[in-house]
């Protein structure tokens, strides 16, 4: 009896996660057993593949673009990637953190949002929040979009 009780909470948690990942928006996908599953043979390369909840090209391109930074949180169903703090070895007195939001299942410029945070090390060794140019986030978004387009083109050959 103890064994089955200890499994109840994890099973409920996994069930809740599975339900939360389901989309309530209508899609032109195959229906199997009452669940709407994406077609793996669809001609559209912008559809949502089984396994992740966002555009696969944007997802892969985001991971590729920020691959030099350690990852802290990765949510392929919600489309969120959060890096841990990263300090360039050439300039250890400042560090950066990046959060990438993938907002759509289509490969579009407005389906992506990047937030960049920066800190500088004070004389006492503490990290202090510092400003970041808006161009920095835009440059990262553009690099991700360029990489996503390259990935899409490479799958059409």
C-alpha atoms as a PDB file:
ATOM      1  CA  UNK A   1       0.000   0.000   0.000  1.00  0.00           C
ATOM      2  CA  UNK A   2       2.885   2.399   0.740  1.00  0.00           C
ATOM      3  CA  UNK A   3       4.312   1.781  -2.724  1.00  0.00           C
ATOM      4  CA  UNK A   4       1.111   2.776  -4.523  1.00  0.00           C
ATOM      5  CA  UNK A   5       0.695   5.891  -2.363  1.00  0.00           C
ATOM      6  CA  UNK A   6       4.223   7.044  -3.149  1.00  0.00           C
ATOM      7  CA  UNK A   7       3.435   6.841  -6.881  1.00  0.00           C
ATOM      8  CA  UNK A   8       0.160   8.765  -6.680  1.00  0.00           C
ATOM      9  CA  UNK A   9       1.655  12.258  -6.533  1.00  0.00           C
ATOM     10  CA  UNK A  10       4.159  11.789  -9.401  1.00  0.00           C
ATOM     11  CA  UNK A  11       1.487  10.180 -11.583  1.00  0.00           C
ATOM     12  CA  UNK A  12      -0.920  13.041 -10.899  1.00  0.00           C
ATOM     13  CA  UNK A  13       1.805  15.601 -11.619  1.00  0.00           C
ATOM     14  CA  UNK A  14       2.704  13.949 -14.942  1.00  0.00           C
ATOM     15  CA  UNK A  15      -0.978  13.759 -15.872  1.00  0.00           C
ATOM     16  CA  UNK A  16      -1.413  17.460 -15.126  1.00  0.00           C
ATOM     17  CA  UNK A  17       1.632  18.302 -17.259  1.00  0.00           C
ATOM     18  CA  UNK A  18       0.313  16.206 -20.131  1.00  0.00           C
ATOM     19  CA  UNK A  19      -3.056  17.947 -19.981  1.00  0.00           C
ATOM     20  CA  UNK A  20      -1.445  21.383 -19.748  1.00  0.00           C
ATOM     21  CA  UNK A  21       0.541  20.664 -22.902  1.00  0.00           C
ATOM     22  CA  UNK A  22      -2.624  20.004 -24.894  1.00  0.00           C
ATOM     23  CA  UNK A  23      -3.719  22.860 -27.086  1.00  0.00           C
ATOM     24  CA  UNK A  24      -7.311  24.011 -27.184  1.00  0.00           C
ATOM     25  CA  UNK A  25      -6.866  25.817 -30.482  1.00  0.00           C
ATOM     26  CA  UNK A  26      -8.235  24.007 -33.548  1.00  0.00           C
ATOM     27  CA  UNK A  27      -5.596  22.620 -35.874  1.00  0.00           C
ATOM     28  CA  UNK A  28      -5.764  20.730 -39.121  1.00  0.00           C
ATOM     29  CA  UNK A  29      -4.112  17.642 -37.667  1.00  0.00           C
ATOM     30  CA  UNK A  30      -4.949  13.977 -37.590  1.00  0.00           C
ATOM     31  CA  UNK A  31      -7.324  12.805 -34.896  1.00  0.00           C
ATOM     32  CA  UNK A  32      -6.477   9.568 -33.126  1.00  0.00           C
ATOM     33  CA  UNK A  33      -8.312   8.258 -30.109  1.00  0.00           C
ATOM     34  CA  UNK A  34      -9.901  11.614 -29.313  1.00  0.00           C
ATOM     35  CA  UNK A  35      -6.496  13.356 -29.117  1.00  0.00           C
ATOM     36  CA  UNK A  36      -5.405  15.801 -31.785  1.00  0.00           C
ATOM     37  CA  UNK A  37      -1.929  14.802 -32.919  1.00  0.00           C
ATOM     38  CA  UNK A  38       0.099  16.633 -35.545  1.00  0.00           C
ATOM     39  CA  UNK A  39       0.550  14.909 -38.857  1.00  0.00           C
ATOM     40  CA  UNK A  40       4.137  13.804 -39.363  1.00  0.00           C
ATOM     41  CA  UNK A  41       3.664  13.585 -43.115  1.00  0.00           C
ATOM     42  CA  UNK A  42       2.170  17.028 -43.660  1.00  0.00           C
ATOM     43  CA  UNK A  43       3.701  19.083 -46.457  1.00  0.00           C
ATOM     44  CA  UNK A  44       3.946  22.171 -44.243  1.00  0.00           C
ATOM     45  CA  UNK A  45       7.277  22.543 -42.485  1.00  0.00           C
ATOM     46  CA  UNK A  46       5.885  25.170 -40.091  1.00  0.00           C
ATOM     47  CA  UNK A  47       3.546  22.801 -38.266  1.00  0.00           C
ATOM     48  CA  UNK A  48       4.078  21.755 -34.695  1.00  0.00           C
ATOM     49  CA  UNK A  49       5.889  18.382 -34.609  1.00  0.00           C
ATOM     50  CA  UNK A  50       5.098  15.776 -31.994  1.00  0.00           C
ATOM     51  CA  UNK A  51       7.131  16.338 -28.865  1.00  0.00           C
ATOM     52  CA  UNK A  52       7.394  20.121 -28.620  1.00  0.00           C
ATOM     53  CA  UNK A  53       4.756  22.829 -28.426  1.00  0.00           C
ATOM     54  CA  UNK A  54       6.408  25.528 -30.549  1.00  0.00           C
ATOM     55  CA  UNK A  55       7.926  26.002 -33.993  1.00  0.00           C
ATOM     56  CA  UNK A  56      10.704  23.436 -34.232  1.00  0.00           C
ATOM     57  CA  UNK A  57      12.949  25.646 -36.384  1.00  0.00           C
ATOM     58  CA  UNK A  58      12.773  28.551 -33.938  1.00  0.00           C
ATOM     59  CA  UNK A  59      13.331  26.178 -31.033  1.00  0.00           C
ATOM     60  CA  UNK A  60      16.420  24.531 -32.549  1.00  0.00           C
ATOM     61  CA  UNK A  61      17.783  27.869 -33.792  1.00  0.00           C
ATOM     62  CA  UNK A  62      17.374  29.414 -30.345  1.00  0.00           C
ATOM     63  CA  UNK A  63      19.290  26.573 -28.725  1.00  0.00           C
ATOM     64  CA  UNK A  64      21.990  26.758 -31.412  1.00  0.00           C
ATOM     65  CA  UNK A  65      22.370  30.537 -31.107  1.00  0.00           C
ATOM     66  CA  UNK A  66      22.794  30.620 -27.327  1.00  0.00           C
ATOM     67  CA  UNK A  67      24.601  27.278 -27.067  1.00  0.00           C
ATOM     68  CA  UNK A  68      27.701  28.943 -25.591  1.00  0.00           C
ATOM     69  CA  UNK A  69      25.687  29.921 -22.481  1.00  0.00           C
ATOM     70  CA  UNK A  70      24.739  27.417 -19.770  1.00  0.00           C
ATOM     71  CA  UNK A  71      21.026  26.622 -19.701  1.00  0.00           C
ATOM     72  CA  UNK A  72      19.019  27.043 -16.511  1.00  0.00           C
ATOM     73  CA  UNK A  73      15.473  26.303 -17.691  1.00  0.00           C
ATOM     74  CA  UNK A  74      14.178  24.765 -20.890  1.00  0.00           C
ATOM     75  CA  UNK A  75      10.451  24.353 -21.571  1.00  0.00           C
ATOM     76  CA  UNK A  76       9.734  23.079 -25.098  1.00  0.00           C
ATOM     77  CA  UNK A  77       5.969  23.010 -24.478  1.00  0.00           C
ATOM     78  CA  UNK A  78       5.775  26.600 -23.253  1.00  0.00           C
ATOM     79  CA  UNK A  79       8.484  27.827 -25.612  1.00  0.00           C
ATOM     80  CA  UNK A  80      10.798  29.288 -22.957  1.00  0.00           C
ATOM     81  CA  UNK A  81      14.574  29.024 -22.727  1.00  0.00           C
ATOM     82  CA  UNK A  82      16.349  30.673 -19.796  1.00  0.00           C
ATOM     83  CA  UNK A  83      20.129  30.694 -19.590  1.00  0.00           C
ATOM     84  CA  UNK A  84      22.167  30.881 -16.446  1.00  0.00           C
ATOM     85  CA  UNK A  85      24.531  33.798 -15.995  1.00  0.00           C
ATOM     86  CA  UNK A  86      27.398  33.794 -18.471  1.00  0.00           C
ATOM     87  CA  UNK A  87      30.605  35.817 -18.172  1.00  0.00           C
ATOM     88  CA  UNK A  88      32.867  36.182 -21.177  1.00  0.00           C
ATOM     89  CA  UNK A  89      36.324  34.947 -20.099  1.00  0.00           C
ATOM     90  CA  UNK A  90      37.844  38.057 -21.712  1.00  0.00           C
ATOM     91  CA  UNK A  91      35.680  40.364 -19.566  1.00  0.00           C
ATOM     92  CA  UNK A  92      34.876  38.618 -16.262  1.00  0.00           C
ATOM     93  CA  UNK A  93      33.619  41.833 -14.627  1.00  0.00           C
ATOM     94  CA  UNK A  94      30.276  41.583 -16.431  1.00  0.00           C
ATOM     95  CA  UNK A  95      27.837  38.763 -17.028  1.00  0.00           C
ATOM     96  CA  UNK A  96      24.714  38.182 -19.085  1.00  0.00           C
ATOM     97  CA  UNK A  97      21.542  36.157 -18.861  1.00  0.00           C
ATOM     98  CA  UNK A  98      19.157  35.576 -21.777  1.00  0.00           C
ATOM     99  CA  UNK A  99      15.516  34.529 -21.870  1.00  0.00           C
ATOM    100  CA  UNK A 100      14.021  33.430 -25.187  1.00  0.00           C
ATOM    101  CA  UNK A 101      10.257  33.218 -25.661  1.00  0.00           C
ATOM    102  CA  UNK A 102       8.858  31.430 -28.699  1.00  0.00           C
ATOM    103  CA  UNK A 103       5.320  32.745 -29.039  1.00  0.00           C
ATOM    104  CA  UNK A 104       3.915  30.946 -32.072  1.00  0.00           C
ATOM    105  CA  UNK A 105       4.028  27.708 -34.018  1.00  0.00           C
ATOM    106  CA  UNK A 106       4.802  29.544 -37.244  1.00  0.00           C
ATOM    107  CA  UNK A 107       8.220  30.687 -38.403  1.00  0.00           C
ATOM    108  CA  UNK A 108       7.681  34.456 -38.188  1.00  0.00           C
ATOM    109  CA  UNK A 109       9.606  37.397 -36.796  1.00  0.00           C
ATOM    110  CA  UNK A 110       6.901  38.222 -34.267  1.00  0.00           C
ATOM    111  CA  UNK A 111       6.897  34.634 -32.985  1.00  0.00           C
ATOM    112  CA  UNK A 112      10.084  35.330 -31.041  1.00  0.00           C
ATOM    113  CA  UNK A 113      10.970  37.561 -28.118  1.00  0.00           C
ATOM    114  CA  UNK A 114      14.365  37.824 -26.432  1.00  0.00           C
ATOM    115  CA  UNK A 115      15.179  39.496 -23.115  1.00  0.00           C
ATOM    116  CA  UNK A 116      18.788  40.173 -22.130  1.00  0.00           C
ATOM    117  CA  UNK A 117      19.909  40.955 -18.589  1.00  0.00           C
ATOM    118  CA  UNK A 118      23.338  42.272 -17.661  1.00  0.00           C
ATOM    119  CA  UNK A 119      25.192  42.671 -14.387  1.00  0.00           C
ATOM    120  CA  UNK A 120      28.526  44.263 -13.520  1.00  0.00           C
ATOM    121  CA  UNK A 121      30.784  43.274 -10.654  1.00  0.00           C
ATOM    122  CA  UNK A 122      31.205  46.046  -8.083  1.00  0.00           C
ATOM    123  CA  UNK A 123      34.461  46.650  -6.216  1.00  0.00           C
ATOM    124  CA  UNK A 124      33.122  44.696  -3.238  1.00  0.00           C
ATOM    125  CA  UNK A 125      32.540  41.645  -5.466  1.00  0.00           C
ATOM    126  CA  UNK A 126      28.744  41.934  -5.558  1.00  0.00           C
ATOM    127  CA  UNK A 127      26.876  41.805  -8.876  1.00  0.00           C
ATOM    128  CA  UNK A 128      24.857  44.926  -9.723  1.00  0.00           C
ATOM    129  CA  UNK A 129      22.170  45.136 -12.422  1.00  0.00           C
ATOM    130  CA  UNK A 130      23.267  47.201 -15.417  1.00  0.00           C
ATOM    131  CA  UNK A 131      21.517  48.506 -18.492  1.00  0.00           C
ATOM    132  CA  UNK A 132      21.497  46.634 -21.780  1.00  0.00           C
ATOM    133  CA  UNK A 133      21.082  48.193 -25.189  1.00  0.00           C
ATOM    134  CA  UNK A 134      17.811  47.227 -26.852  1.00  0.00           C
ATOM    135  CA  UNK A 135      19.870  46.444 -29.929  1.00  0.00           C
ATOM    136  CA  UNK A 136      21.460  43.487 -28.107  1.00  0.00           C
ATOM    137  CA  UNK A 137      18.154  41.593 -27.829  1.00  0.00           C
ATOM    138  CA  UNK A 138      17.291  42.539 -31.419  1.00  0.00           C
ATOM    139  CA  UNK A 139      20.648  41.206 -32.654  1.00  0.00           C
ATOM    140  CA  UNK A 140      20.051  37.895 -30.872  1.00  0.00           C
ATOM    141  CA  UNK A 141      16.511  37.680 -32.304  1.00  0.00           C
ATOM    142  CA  UNK A 142      17.880  38.309 -35.802  1.00  0.00           C
ATOM    143  CA  UNK A 143      20.572  35.643 -35.344  1.00  0.00           C
ATOM    144  CA  UNK A 144      17.923  33.131 -34.205  1.00  0.00           C
ATOM    145  CA  UNK A 145      15.625  33.969 -37.125  1.00  0.00           C
ATOM    146  CA  UNK A 146      18.493  33.664 -39.609  1.00  0.00           C
ATOM    147  CA  UNK A 147      19.457  30.272 -38.187  1.00  0.00           C
ATOM    148  CA  UNK A 148      15.800  29.121 -38.205  1.00  0.00           C
ATOM    149  CA  UNK A 149      15.494  30.028 -41.884  1.00  0.00           C
ATOM    150  CA  UNK A 150      18.711  28.105 -42.634  1.00  0.00           C
ATOM    151  CA  UNK A 151      17.335  25.055 -40.831  1.00  0.00           C
ATOM    152  CA  UNK A 152      14.045  25.273 -42.723  1.00  0.00           C
ATOM    153  CA  UNK A 153      15.790  25.578 -46.079  1.00  0.00           C
ATOM    154  CA  UNK A 154      18.044  22.614 -45.307  1.00  0.00           C
ATOM    155  CA  UNK A 155      15.005  20.383 -44.654  1.00  0.00           C
ATOM    156  CA  UNK A 156      13.366  21.313 -47.976  1.00  0.00           C
ATOM    157  CA  UNK A 157      16.213  19.891 -50.075  1.00  0.00           C
END
